Amino acid sequence: MVIHMEKGTSEYGEFRIEGRNAVIEAFRSGREIDKVYILDGCKDGPVMTVKREAAKKNTQIKYVTKERLDQLSESGRHQGVIACLAAYSYARVEDMLALAEKKKEPPFLILLDNIEDPHNLGAIIRTANLAGAHGVIIPKNRAVGLTAAVARTSAGALNYTPVAKVTNLVRTIEELKEKGLWFVCADMDGTRMYDLNLTGPIGLVVGSEGEGVGRLVKENCDMTAAIPMKGDIDSLNASVAAGVLAYEILRQRLM
């Protein structure tokens, strides 16, 4: 099995496994795999096996050119397949609710949409821990996973704050609503955060600085919260926005 810690060339800083059989064995051994890069158009037996194993684990597949695979590869022996491993194991949403119950606190979860920068995710996980959140939920697609860069940026918070990866954020919100949670979405056109009741079981939904929260996700939230701003620019970095709103939730809880 060929495993590499990407250096310099990767914006994500990922652990990677290269080669068809190595990737198949990684799936079958239960390794946490965030996504698989597969040579576009390749349909031979081992590659089809990789696709089936990825489907079983609901793992994201990205079809790319040979040039892209060559760029990602350090061994030069990728055989059309490179898998990116998670640096930490993912939790379940149920684990987060159980943690809140154990602490005798109303659940406080942070859900992220369109966060693709590992430094933003790592910083948000760190803030989630310090603000008393019981977990962070990320989507399977269009989102960075628990890469080594995320682990480093979290400064150890990943050891204490569970992170779950879900297929569909909207469905997850609907299921959590049935368990009594309310959802507030970060939105610059929303109600000023100081004017909202952010106590009780709550999910804070934050999107990227550029795209924000997706339309369907926003429509399924109960409230939208705006952070007051007096400067000359009109948006905050995603991790900063998450931190400001998370601490407003903590402030209201402490009161």
Protein backbone atom coordinates (compact mmCIF):
# COMPACT_ATOMS: atom_id res chain seq x y z
CA MET A 1 0.00 0.00 0.00
CA VAL A 2 1.36 3.40 -0.97
CA ILE A 3 0.45 6.18 1.49
CA HIS A 4 1.70 9.73 1.17
CA MET A 5 1.31 12.86 3.23
CA GLU A 6 0.99 15.54 0.58
CA LYS A 7 3.60 18.29 0.90
CA GLY A 8 3.52 21.67 -0.71
CA THR A 9 1.53 20.76 -3.83
CA SER A 10 -1.80 20.22 -2.08
CA GLU A 11 -3.99 22.99 -0.77
CA TYR A 12 -5.68 20.44 1.48
CA GLY A 13 -2.72 18.63 3.03
CA GLU A 14 -4.21 15.15 2.73
CA PHE A 15 -3.13 11.63 3.44
CA ARG A 16 -3.41 9.80 0.14
CA ILE A 17 -3.41 6.17 -0.98
CA GLU A 18 -2.39 5.46 -4.55
CA GLY A 19 -3.11 2.40 -6.69
CA ARG A 20 -6.19 0.30 -7.41
CA ASN A 21 -5.62 -2.65 -5.08
CA ALA A 22 -4.36 -0.42 -2.27
CA VAL A 23 -7.51 1.71 -2.45
CA ILE A 24 -9.78 -1.34 -2.58
CA GLU A 25 -8.10 -2.79 0.51
CA ALA A 26 -8.37 0.56 2.30
CA PHE A 27 -12.14 0.54 1.74
CA ARG A 28 -12.52 -3.07 2.82
CA SER A 29 -10.43 -2.57 5.95
CA GLY A 30 -12.75 0.20 7.11
CA ARG A 31 -10.42 3.17 6.62
CA GLU A 32 -12.16 6.56 6.66
CA ILE A 33 -11.92 7.84 3.08
CA ASP A 34 -13.15 11.33 2.22
CA LYS A 35 -13.05 11.12 -1.56
CA VAL A 36 -11.58 9.16 -4.45
CA TYR A 37 -10.05 10.57 -7.61
CA ILE A 38 -10.63 8.24 -10.58
CA LEU A 39 -9.42 8.54 -14.15
CA ASP A 40 -12.36 9.81 -16.19
CA GLY A 41 -13.70 7.17 -18.60
CA CYS A 42 -11.81 4.24 -17.06
CA LYS A 43 -14.09 1.19 -16.75
CA ASP A 44 -11.83 -1.80 -16.20
CA GLY A 45 -12.48 -4.36 -13.45
CA PRO A 46 -10.47 -3.03 -10.48
CA VAL A 47 -11.65 0.54 -11.09
CA MET A 48 -15.27 -0.62 -11.17
CA THR A 49 -14.60 -2.39 -7.85
CA VAL A 50 -13.31 0.89 -6.41
CA LYS A 51 -16.52 2.60 -7.56
CA ARG A 52 -18.67 -0.10 -5.91
CA GLU A 53 -16.75 0.13 -2.64
CA ALA A 54 -17.06 3.93 -2.70
CA ALA A 55 -20.81 3.64 -3.29
CA LYS A 56 -21.17 1.29 -0.31
CA LYS A 57 -19.48 3.85 1.95
CA ASN A 58 -21.20 6.83 0.31
CA THR A 59 -17.78 8.26 -0.55
CA GLN A 60 -17.47 11.16 -2.96
CA ILE A 61 -15.95 10.27 -6.35
CA LYS A 62 -14.21 12.88 -8.50
CA TYR A 63 -13.52 11.98 -12.13
CA VAL A 64 -10.37 13.72 -13.35
CA THR A 65 -7.89 13.66 -16.21
CA LYS A 66 -4.65 11.68 -16.22
CA GLU A 67 -2.78 14.98 -16.01
CA ARG A 68 -4.59 15.84 -12.78
CA LEU A 69 -3.86 12.40 -11.31
CA ASP A 70 -0.20 12.72 -12.28
CA GLN A 71 -0.13 16.09 -10.51
CA LEU A 72 -1.68 14.61 -7.35
CA SER A 73 0.52 11.51 -7.33
CA GLU A 74 3.86 11.32 -5.52
CA SER A 75 4.62 7.71 -6.36
CA GLY A 76 3.92 7.93 -10.08
CA ARG A 77 2.07 4.62 -9.74
CA HIS A 78 -1.52 5.73 -9.16
CA GLN A 79 -3.00 3.36 -11.81
CA GLY A 80 -5.85 5.80 -12.34
CA VAL A 81 -6.98 5.83 -8.68
CA ILE A 82 -6.04 8.01 -5.68
CA ALA A 83 -7.95 8.00 -2.38
CA CYS A 84 -7.85 10.78 0.20
CA LEU A 85 -8.06 9.58 3.78
CA ALA A 86 -9.62 11.41 6.69
CA ALA A 87 -7.11 12.39 9.37
CA TYR A 88 -9.73 11.65 12.05
CA SER A 89 -12.73 9.34 12.23
CA TYR A 90 -16.17 10.82 11.67
CA ALA A 91 -18.83 10.71 14.35
CA ARG A 92 -22.58 10.24 13.99
CA VAL A 93 -25.12 12.99 14.59
CA GLU A 94 -26.61 10.75 17.28
CA ASP A 95 -23.26 10.90 19.12
CA MET A 96 -23.59 14.67 19.38
CA LEU A 97 -27.09 14.50 20.81
CA ALA A 98 -25.90 11.89 23.29
CA LEU A 99 -23.04 14.19 24.32
CA ALA A 100 -25.49 17.03 24.98
CA GLU A 101 -27.68 14.70 27.03
CA LYS A 102 -24.68 13.49 29.02
CA LYS A 103 -23.76 17.10 29.83
CA LYS A 104 -27.41 17.86 30.66
CA GLU A 105 -27.40 20.72 28.13
CA PRO A 106 -29.76 21.57 25.26
CA PRO A 107 -28.09 20.48 22.02
CA PHE A 108 -25.98 23.06 20.21
CA LEU A 109 -24.77 21.98 16.77
CA ILE A 110 -22.93 23.86 14.02
CA LEU A 111 -23.78 22.91 10.42
CA LEU A 112 -21.57 24.04 7.56
CA ASP A 113 -22.53 24.50 3.92
CA ASN A 114 -20.06 25.13 1.08
CA ILE A 115 -17.00 25.31 3.36
CA GLU A 116 -14.13 24.11 1.18
CA ASP A 117 -11.17 25.80 2.86
CA PRO A 118 -9.51 23.46 5.39
CA HIS A 119 -8.30 26.37 7.50
CA ASN A 120 -11.84 27.69 7.84
CA LEU A 121 -13.12 24.26 8.87
CA GLY A 122 -10.31 23.74 11.37
CA ALA A 123 -10.88 27.17 12.90
CA ILE A 124 -14.64 26.55 13.17
CA ILE A 125 -14.09 23.21 14.92
CA ARG A 126 -11.80 24.96 17.39
CA THR A 127 -14.40 27.67 18.01
CA ALA A 128 -17.15 25.06 18.33
CA ASN A 129 -15.26 23.41 21.16
CA LEU A 130 -14.58 26.67 22.99
CA ALA A 131 -18.17 27.92 22.58
CA GLY A 132 -19.64 24.70 23.97
CA ALA A 133 -21.08 23.24 20.76
CA HIS A 134 -21.70 19.51 20.90
CA GLY A 135 -20.58 18.85 17.34
CA VAL A 136 -20.05 20.05 13.79
CA ILE A 137 -21.91 18.66 10.77
CA ILE A 138 -20.54 18.89 7.24
CA PRO A 139 -21.99 17.69 3.91
CA LYS A 140 -20.43 14.98 1.78
CA ASN A 141 -20.18 17.12 -1.37
CA ARG A 142 -18.72 20.56 -2.00
CA ALA A 143 -16.97 20.55 1.35
CA VAL A 144 -13.54 19.82 2.71
CA GLY A 145 -13.30 16.76 4.95
CA LEU A 146 -11.15 16.03 7.98
CA THR A 147 -7.79 16.46 6.30
CA ALA A 148 -4.45 16.82 8.04
CA ALA A 149 -4.61 20.58 7.45
CA VAL A 150 -7.98 20.73 9.22
CA ALA A 151 -6.59 18.75 12.13
CA ARG A 152 -3.62 21.10 12.47
CA THR A 153 -5.78 24.24 12.30
CA SER A 154 -8.18 22.90 14.91
CA ALA A 155 -5.28 22.93 17.40
CA GLY A 156 -6.38 19.72 19.08
CA ALA A 157 -10.11 20.45 19.15
CA LEU A 158 -10.80 17.46 16.90
CA ASN A 159 -9.91 15.25 19.85
CA TYR A 160 -12.90 16.61 21.76
CA THR A 161 -15.43 17.89 19.22
CA PRO A 162 -17.24 15.27 17.10
CA VAL A 163 -17.62 15.96 13.38
CA ALA A 164 -20.25 14.15 11.29
CA LYS A 165 -20.42 13.98 7.51
CA VAL A 166 -23.91 13.68 6.03
CA THR A 167 -25.25 13.12 2.53
CA ASN A 168 -27.99 15.75 2.67
CA LEU A 169 -27.97 18.79 4.98
CA VAL A 170 -31.65 19.57 4.37
CA ARG A 171 -32.71 16.06 5.37
CA THR A 172 -30.46 16.23 8.44
CA ILE A 173 -32.07 19.53 9.48
CA GLU A 174 -35.54 18.04 9.05
CA GLU A 175 -34.63 15.03 11.19
CA LEU A 176 -33.13 17.22 13.90
CA LYS A 177 -36.21 19.45 13.91
CA GLU A 178 -38.22 16.36 14.81
CA LYS A 179 -35.93 16.01 17.83
CA GLY A 180 -36.73 19.55 18.96
CA LEU A 181 -33.92 21.64 17.49
CA TRP A 182 -34.43 25.10 15.99
CA PHE A 183 -32.17 26.36 13.23
CA VAL A 184 -30.64 29.77 12.69
CA CYS A 185 -28.88 30.59 9.44
CA ALA A 186 -26.12 33.17 9.13
CA ASP A 187 -27.29 35.73 6.56
CA MET A 188 -26.28 39.35 6.11
CA ASP A 189 -29.90 40.24 5.25
CA GLY A 190 -31.31 38.52 8.33
CA THR A 191 -32.48 39.83 11.70
CA ARG A 192 -29.82 41.39 13.90
CA MET A 193 -28.47 38.54 16.04
CA TYR A 194 -29.02 40.48 19.29
CA ASP A 195 -32.76 40.60 18.54
CA LEU A 196 -33.16 36.82 18.26
CA ASN A 197 -33.79 34.25 20.95
CA LEU A 198 -30.91 31.82 20.41
CA THR A 199 -31.38 29.76 23.56
CA GLY A 200 -32.62 26.19 23.77
CA PRO A 201 -31.79 23.32 21.39
CA ILE A 202 -30.27 25.01 18.37
CA GLY A 203 -28.40 24.42 15.15
CA LEU A 204 -26.26 27.24 13.73
CA VAL A 205 -25.89 27.05 9.93
CA VAL A 206 -22.96 28.86 8.32
CA GLY A 207 -21.94 29.05 4.66
CA SER A 208 -18.83 30.18 2.83
CA GLU A 209 -17.90 33.83 2.50
CA GLY A 210 -18.54 33.79 -1.25
CA GLU A 211 -21.56 31.53 -1.77
CA GLY A 212 -23.15 31.62 1.66
CA VAL A 213 -25.72 29.02 2.65
CA GLY A 214 -27.52 27.22 -0.18
CA ARG A 215 -31.10 28.25 -0.94
CA LEU A 216 -32.79 25.00 0.13
CA VAL A 217 -30.79 24.84 3.34
CA LYS A 218 -31.66 28.46 4.16
CA GLU A 219 -35.36 27.89 3.43
CA ASN A 220 -35.43 25.07 5.96
CA CYS A 221 -34.00 27.22 8.75
CA ASP A 222 -36.35 28.84 11.27
CA MET A 223 -34.45 32.13 11.56
CA THR A 224 -31.77 34.13 9.78
CA ALA A 225 -29.23 36.04 11.85
CA ALA A 226 -27.18 39.02 10.72
CA ILE A 227 -23.97 40.19 12.38
CA PRO A 228 -23.95 43.98 12.81
CA MET A 229 -21.13 45.57 10.75
CA LYS A 230 -19.94 49.16 10.44
CA GLY A 231 -16.93 48.79 8.16
CA ASP A 232 -16.47 49.40 4.46
CA ILE A 233 -16.65 45.77 3.33
CA ASP A 234 -19.77 43.65 3.52
CA SER A 235 -18.75 40.18 4.65
CA LEU A 236 -16.74 38.26 7.22
CA ASN A 237 -14.55 35.22 6.77
CA ALA A 238 -16.67 32.10 7.38
CA SER A 239 -14.77 31.02 10.49
CA VAL A 240 -15.00 34.53 11.98
CA ALA A 241 -18.75 34.71 11.28
CA ALA A 242 -19.24 31.29 12.85
CA GLY A 243 -17.27 32.41 15.89
CA VAL A 244 -19.24 35.63 16.38
CA LEU A 245 -22.60 33.84 16.16
CA ALA A 246 -21.47 30.87 18.26
CA TYR A 247 -20.43 33.22 21.04
CA GLU A 248 -23.72 35.10 20.86
CA ILE A 249 -25.43 31.74 21.39
CA LEU A 250 -23.08 31.05 24.32
CA ARG A 251 -23.72 34.52 25.78
CA GLN A 252 -27.47 33.99 25.70
CA ARG A 253 -27.09 30.54 27.26
CA LEU A 254 -24.97 31.90 30.08
CA MET A 255 -27.54 34.60 30.82
